[in-house]
Amino acid sequence: MQQYRINHSNQCAFMRKELRIKNQMAELEKVNQFIEEISEELGLSMELTMNLNLVVEEMVVNVISYAYPEGSDAEIELLAKSDGKELTLVLSDQGREFDPTMKESADMNANPAERDLGGMGIFIVKNIMNKVTYQRMEGKNLLTMTKSIND
């Protein structure tokens, strides 16, 4: 389901869009299109759009790869909302409980050959987004990522 509304009163753009995908890698193209549509609606720069695509793709790939038993048929939801000042992205799934914000970020000072492969995604997310929070509610993982868009 996709929906949006732009309200230009008080020069504040209100936007809300939702995307539901299957937990399959083939669905990533839909995620990229979704982020590009949002970016266009909000007039975001190409650099910010690319960064948002990277962040969301990293987190969606983690859900696809780890949240559900292999071969299971499940959905992932992505909600995007903006008040014109911030863009908030909420990624939700009903997979295994996992809080990526508690995962240690990768040690960027370590030798790349010796660096643990885990933690790169959350490192990227924490460094691009202004705020990242996790909660488990009603059997769902909810990862909320917020970015200021009026800088």
C-alpha atoms as a PDB file:
ATOM      1  CA  MET A   1       0.000   0.000   0.000  1.00  0.00           C
ATOM      2  CA  GLN A   2       1.414   3.380  -0.970  1.00  0.00           C
ATOM      3  CA  GLN A   3      -0.122   6.674  -0.019  1.00  0.00           C
ATOM      4  CA  TYR A   4       1.034  10.215   0.345  1.00  0.00           C
ATOM      5  CA  ARG A   5      -0.259  13.635   1.116  1.00  0.00           C
ATOM      6  CA  ILE A   6       1.559  16.930   0.811  1.00  0.00           C
ATOM      7  CA  ASN A   7       0.178  19.834   2.804  1.00  0.00           C
ATOM      8  CA  HIS A   8       1.757  23.167   1.948  1.00  0.00           C
ATOM      9  CA  SER A   9       0.020  25.231   4.637  1.00  0.00           C
ATOM     10  CA  ASN A  10       2.550  27.087   6.800  1.00  0.00           C
ATOM     11  CA  GLN A  11       5.220  25.942   4.331  1.00  0.00           C
ATOM     12  CA  CYS A  12       5.394  22.605   6.090  1.00  0.00           C
ATOM     13  CA  ALA A  13       5.223  19.545   3.867  1.00  0.00           C
ATOM     14  CA  PHE A  14       3.493  16.595   5.490  1.00  0.00           C
ATOM     15  CA  MET A  15       4.148  13.315   3.756  1.00  0.00           C
ATOM     16  CA  ARG A  16       3.314   9.739   4.708  1.00  0.00           C
ATOM     17  CA  LYS A  17       3.977   6.699   2.531  1.00  0.00           C
ATOM     18  CA  GLU A  18       3.991   2.995   3.189  1.00  0.00           C
ATOM     19  CA  LEU A  19       5.557   0.082   1.375  1.00  0.00           C
ATOM     20  CA  ARG A  20       5.041  -3.617   2.011  1.00  0.00           C
ATOM     21  CA  ILE A  21       7.398  -6.135   0.474  1.00  0.00           C
ATOM     22  CA  LYS A  22       8.027  -9.845   0.735  1.00  0.00           C
ATOM     23  CA  ASN A  23      11.142 -10.953   2.613  1.00  0.00           C
ATOM     24  CA  GLN A  24      12.999 -11.648  -0.629  1.00  0.00           C
ATOM     25  CA  MET A  25      16.123 -10.015  -2.070  1.00  0.00           C
ATOM     26  CA  ALA A  26      14.289  -9.503  -5.374  1.00  0.00           C
ATOM     27  CA  GLU A  27      12.114  -6.922  -3.575  1.00  0.00           C
ATOM     28  CA  LEU A  28      15.043  -4.530  -2.951  1.00  0.00           C
ATOM     29  CA  GLU A  29      14.351  -2.697  -6.222  1.00  0.00           C
ATOM     30  CA  LYS A  30      10.930  -1.717  -4.828  1.00  0.00           C
ATOM     31  CA  VAL A  31      12.639  -0.333  -1.730  1.00  0.00           C
ATOM     32  CA  ASN A  32      15.018   1.779  -3.837  1.00  0.00           C
ATOM     33  CA  GLN A  33      12.114   3.112  -5.934  1.00  0.00           C
ATOM     34  CA  PHE A  34      10.216   3.927  -2.754  1.00  0.00           C
ATOM     35  CA  ILE A  35      13.112   5.974  -1.342  1.00  0.00           C
ATOM     36  CA  GLU A  36      13.573   7.770  -4.653  1.00  0.00           C
ATOM     37  CA  GLU A  37       9.853   8.690  -4.777  1.00  0.00           C
ATOM     38  CA  ILE A  38      10.033  10.051  -1.238  1.00  0.00           C
ATOM     39  CA  SER A  39      13.178  12.015  -2.017  1.00  0.00           C
ATOM     40  CA  GLU A  40      11.599  13.525  -5.107  1.00  0.00           C
ATOM     41  CA  GLU A  41       8.447  14.496  -3.186  1.00  0.00           C
ATOM     42  CA  LEU A  42      10.532  16.195  -0.500  1.00  0.00           C
ATOM     43  CA  GLY A  43      13.062  17.738  -2.898  1.00  0.00           C
ATOM     44  CA  LEU A  44      16.035  15.982  -1.286  1.00  0.00           C
ATOM     45  CA  SER A  45      19.521  16.143  -2.753  1.00  0.00           C
ATOM     46  CA  MET A  46      20.966  13.276  -4.757  1.00  0.00           C
ATOM     47  CA  GLU A  47      23.578  12.724  -2.032  1.00  0.00           C
ATOM     48  CA  LEU A  48      20.960  12.435   0.708  1.00  0.00           C
ATOM     49  CA  THR A  49      18.837  10.154  -1.486  1.00  0.00           C
ATOM     50  CA  MET A  50      21.810   7.856  -2.045  1.00  0.00           C
ATOM     51  CA  ASN A  51      22.569   7.814   1.689  1.00  0.00           C
ATOM     52  CA  LEU A  52      18.949   7.011   2.553  1.00  0.00           C
ATOM     53  CA  ASN A  53      18.940   4.209  -0.016  1.00  0.00           C
ATOM     54  CA  LEU A  54      22.099   2.784   1.542  1.00  0.00           C
ATOM     55  CA  VAL A  55      20.687   2.944   5.081  1.00  0.00           C
ATOM     56  CA  VAL A  56      17.349   1.375   4.221  1.00  0.00           C
ATOM     57  CA  GLU A  57      18.871  -1.287   1.993  1.00  0.00           C
ATOM     58  CA  GLU A  58      21.325  -2.300   4.741  1.00  0.00           C
ATOM     59  CA  MET A  59      18.551  -2.732   7.268  1.00  0.00           C
ATOM     60  CA  VAL A  60      16.121  -4.475   4.880  1.00  0.00           C
ATOM     61  CA  VAL A  61      18.844  -6.930   3.812  1.00  0.00           C
ATOM     62  CA  ASN A  62      19.451  -7.713   7.491  1.00  0.00           C
ATOM     63  CA  VAL A  63      15.757  -8.465   8.002  1.00  0.00           C
ATOM     64  CA  ILE A  64      15.608 -10.627   4.864  1.00  0.00           C
ATOM     65  CA  SER A  65      18.782 -12.473   5.838  1.00  0.00           C
ATOM     66  CA  TYR A  66      18.248 -13.018   9.550  1.00  0.00           C
ATOM     67  CA  ALA A  67      14.718 -12.293  10.813  1.00  0.00           C
ATOM     68  CA  TYR A  68      12.889 -15.282   9.378  1.00  0.00           C
ATOM     69  CA  PRO A  69      13.670 -18.961   8.881  1.00  0.00           C
ATOM     70  CA  GLU A  70      14.945 -19.629   5.363  1.00  0.00           C
ATOM     71  CA  GLY A  71      12.132 -20.162   2.878  1.00  0.00           C
ATOM     72  CA  SER A  72       9.439 -18.603   5.050  1.00  0.00           C
ATOM     73  CA  ASP A  73       6.905 -16.289   3.445  1.00  0.00           C
ATOM     74  CA  ALA A  74       6.677 -13.037   5.400  1.00  0.00           C
ATOM     75  CA  GLU A  75       6.302  -9.312   4.908  1.00  0.00           C
ATOM     76  CA  ILE A  76       8.437  -6.331   5.739  1.00  0.00           C
ATOM     77  CA  GLU A  77       6.851  -2.909   6.118  1.00  0.00           C
ATOM     78  CA  LEU A  78       8.491   0.447   5.587  1.00  0.00           C
ATOM     79  CA  LEU A  79       6.746   3.627   6.692  1.00  0.00           C
ATOM     80  CA  ALA A  80       8.104   7.023   5.678  1.00  0.00           C
ATOM     81  CA  LYS A  81       6.772  10.218   7.167  1.00  0.00           C
ATOM     82  CA  SER A  82       7.939  13.788   7.120  1.00  0.00           C
ATOM     83  CA  ASP A  83       6.905  17.100   8.605  1.00  0.00           C
ATOM     84  CA  GLY A  84       9.145  18.978   6.171  1.00  0.00           C
ATOM     85  CA  LYS A  85      11.949  19.259   8.730  1.00  0.00           C
ATOM     86  CA  GLU A  86      12.687  15.588   9.413  1.00  0.00           C
ATOM     87  CA  LEU A  87      12.185  12.360   7.558  1.00  0.00           C
ATOM     88  CA  THR A  88      11.354   9.373   9.739  1.00  0.00           C
ATOM     89  CA  LEU A  89      11.613   5.849   8.380  1.00  0.00           C
ATOM     90  CA  VAL A  90      10.112   2.981  10.376  1.00  0.00           C
ATOM     91  CA  LEU A  91      11.086  -0.526   9.333  1.00  0.00           C
ATOM     92  CA  SER A  92       8.936  -3.271  10.833  1.00  0.00           C
ATOM     93  CA  ASP A  93       8.843  -7.037  10.641  1.00  0.00           C
ATOM     94  CA  GLN A  94       7.454  -9.925  12.666  1.00  0.00           C
ATOM     95  CA  GLY A  95      10.686 -11.890  12.602  1.00  0.00           C
ATOM     96  CA  ARG A  96      13.009 -12.894  15.421  1.00  0.00           C
ATOM     97  CA  GLU A  97      13.495 -10.213  18.034  1.00  0.00           C
ATOM     98  CA  PHE A  98      16.691  -8.316  17.304  1.00  0.00           C
ATOM     99  CA  ASP A  99      17.820  -4.839  18.328  1.00  0.00           C
ATOM    100  CA  PRO A 100      20.456  -3.656  15.834  1.00  0.00           C
ATOM    101  CA  THR A 101      21.137  -0.557  17.938  1.00  0.00           C
ATOM    102  CA  MET A 102      22.675  -2.812  20.608  1.00  0.00           C
ATOM    103  CA  LYS A 103      25.058  -4.373  18.094  1.00  0.00           C
ATOM    104  CA  GLU A 104      28.609  -3.114  18.368  1.00  0.00           C
ATOM    105  CA  SER A 105      29.522  -0.919  15.417  1.00  0.00           C
ATOM    106  CA  ALA A 106      32.418  -2.143  13.323  1.00  0.00           C
ATOM    107  CA  ASP A 107      35.862  -0.962  14.453  1.00  0.00           C
ATOM    108  CA  MET A 108      36.831   1.279  11.542  1.00  0.00           C
ATOM    109  CA  ASN A 109      40.373   1.612  12.908  1.00  0.00           C
ATOM    110  CA  ALA A 110      41.029  -2.124  12.697  1.00  0.00           C
ATOM    111  CA  ASN A 111      42.947  -3.630   9.823  1.00  0.00           C
ATOM    112  CA  PRO A 112      40.319  -4.455   7.135  1.00  0.00           C
ATOM    113  CA  ALA A 113      41.658  -8.019   6.853  1.00  0.00           C
ATOM    114  CA  GLU A 114      41.168  -8.529  10.600  1.00  0.00           C
ATOM    115  CA  ARG A 115      37.898  -6.593  10.985  1.00  0.00           C
ATOM    116  CA  ASP A 116      34.789  -8.509  12.026  1.00  0.00           C
ATOM    117  CA  LEU A 117      32.279  -8.503   9.165  1.00  0.00           C
ATOM    118  CA  GLY A 118      29.368  -7.749  11.482  1.00  0.00           C
ATOM    119  CA  GLY A 119      28.478  -4.245  12.563  1.00  0.00           C
ATOM    120  CA  MET A 120      29.109  -2.416   9.291  1.00  0.00           C
ATOM    121  CA  GLY A 121      25.410  -1.895   8.567  1.00  0.00           C
ATOM    122  CA  ILE A 122      24.578  -0.349  11.923  1.00  0.00           C
ATOM    123  CA  PHE A 123      27.791   1.734  11.735  1.00  0.00           C
ATOM    124  CA  ILE A 124      26.556   3.150   8.422  1.00  0.00           C
ATOM    125  CA  VAL A 125      23.050   3.757   9.738  1.00  0.00           C
ATOM    126  CA  LYS A 126      24.212   5.488  12.930  1.00  0.00           C
ATOM    127  CA  ASN A 127      26.592   7.729  10.979  1.00  0.00           C
ATOM    128  CA  ILE A 128      24.072   8.794   8.328  1.00  0.00           C
ATOM    129  CA  MET A 129      20.901   9.152  10.392  1.00  0.00           C
ATOM    130  CA  ASN A 130      20.454  11.656  13.224  1.00  0.00           C
ATOM    131  CA  LYS A 131      18.540   9.273  15.480  1.00  0.00           C
ATOM    132  CA  VAL A 132      18.061   5.491  15.467  1.00  0.00           C
ATOM    133  CA  THR A 133      15.840   3.660  17.964  1.00  0.00           C
ATOM    134  CA  TYR A 134      14.482   0.135  18.299  1.00  0.00           C
ATOM    135  CA  GLN A 135      11.508  -1.328  20.099  1.00  0.00           C
ATOM    136  CA  ARG A 136       9.652  -4.612  20.127  1.00  0.00           C
ATOM    137  CA  MET A 137       5.918  -4.040  20.167  1.00  0.00           C
ATOM    138  CA  GLU A 138       3.055  -6.481  19.671  1.00  0.00           C
ATOM    139  CA  GLY A 139       5.361  -9.122  18.195  1.00  0.00           C
ATOM    140  CA  LYS A 140       7.035  -6.715  15.773  1.00  0.00           C
ATOM    141  CA  ASN A 141      10.542  -5.331  15.477  1.00  0.00           C
ATOM    142  CA  LEU A 142      10.299  -1.576  14.926  1.00  0.00           C
ATOM    143  CA  LEU A 143      13.440   0.232  13.836  1.00  0.00           C
ATOM    144  CA  THR A 144      12.894   3.990  13.668  1.00  0.00           C
ATOM    145  CA  MET A 145      15.472   6.074  11.812  1.00  0.00           C
ATOM    146  CA  THR A 146      15.223   9.866  11.643  1.00  0.00           C
ATOM    147  CA  LYS A 147      17.125  12.321   9.461  1.00  0.00           C
ATOM    148  CA  SER A 148      16.989  16.127   9.418  1.00  0.00           C
ATOM    149  CA  ILE A 149      16.212  17.233   5.876  1.00  0.00           C
ATOM    150  CA  ASN A 150      16.265  21.027   6.241  1.00  0.00           C
ATOM    151  CA  ASP A 151      19.996  21.520   6.774  1.00  0.00           C
END
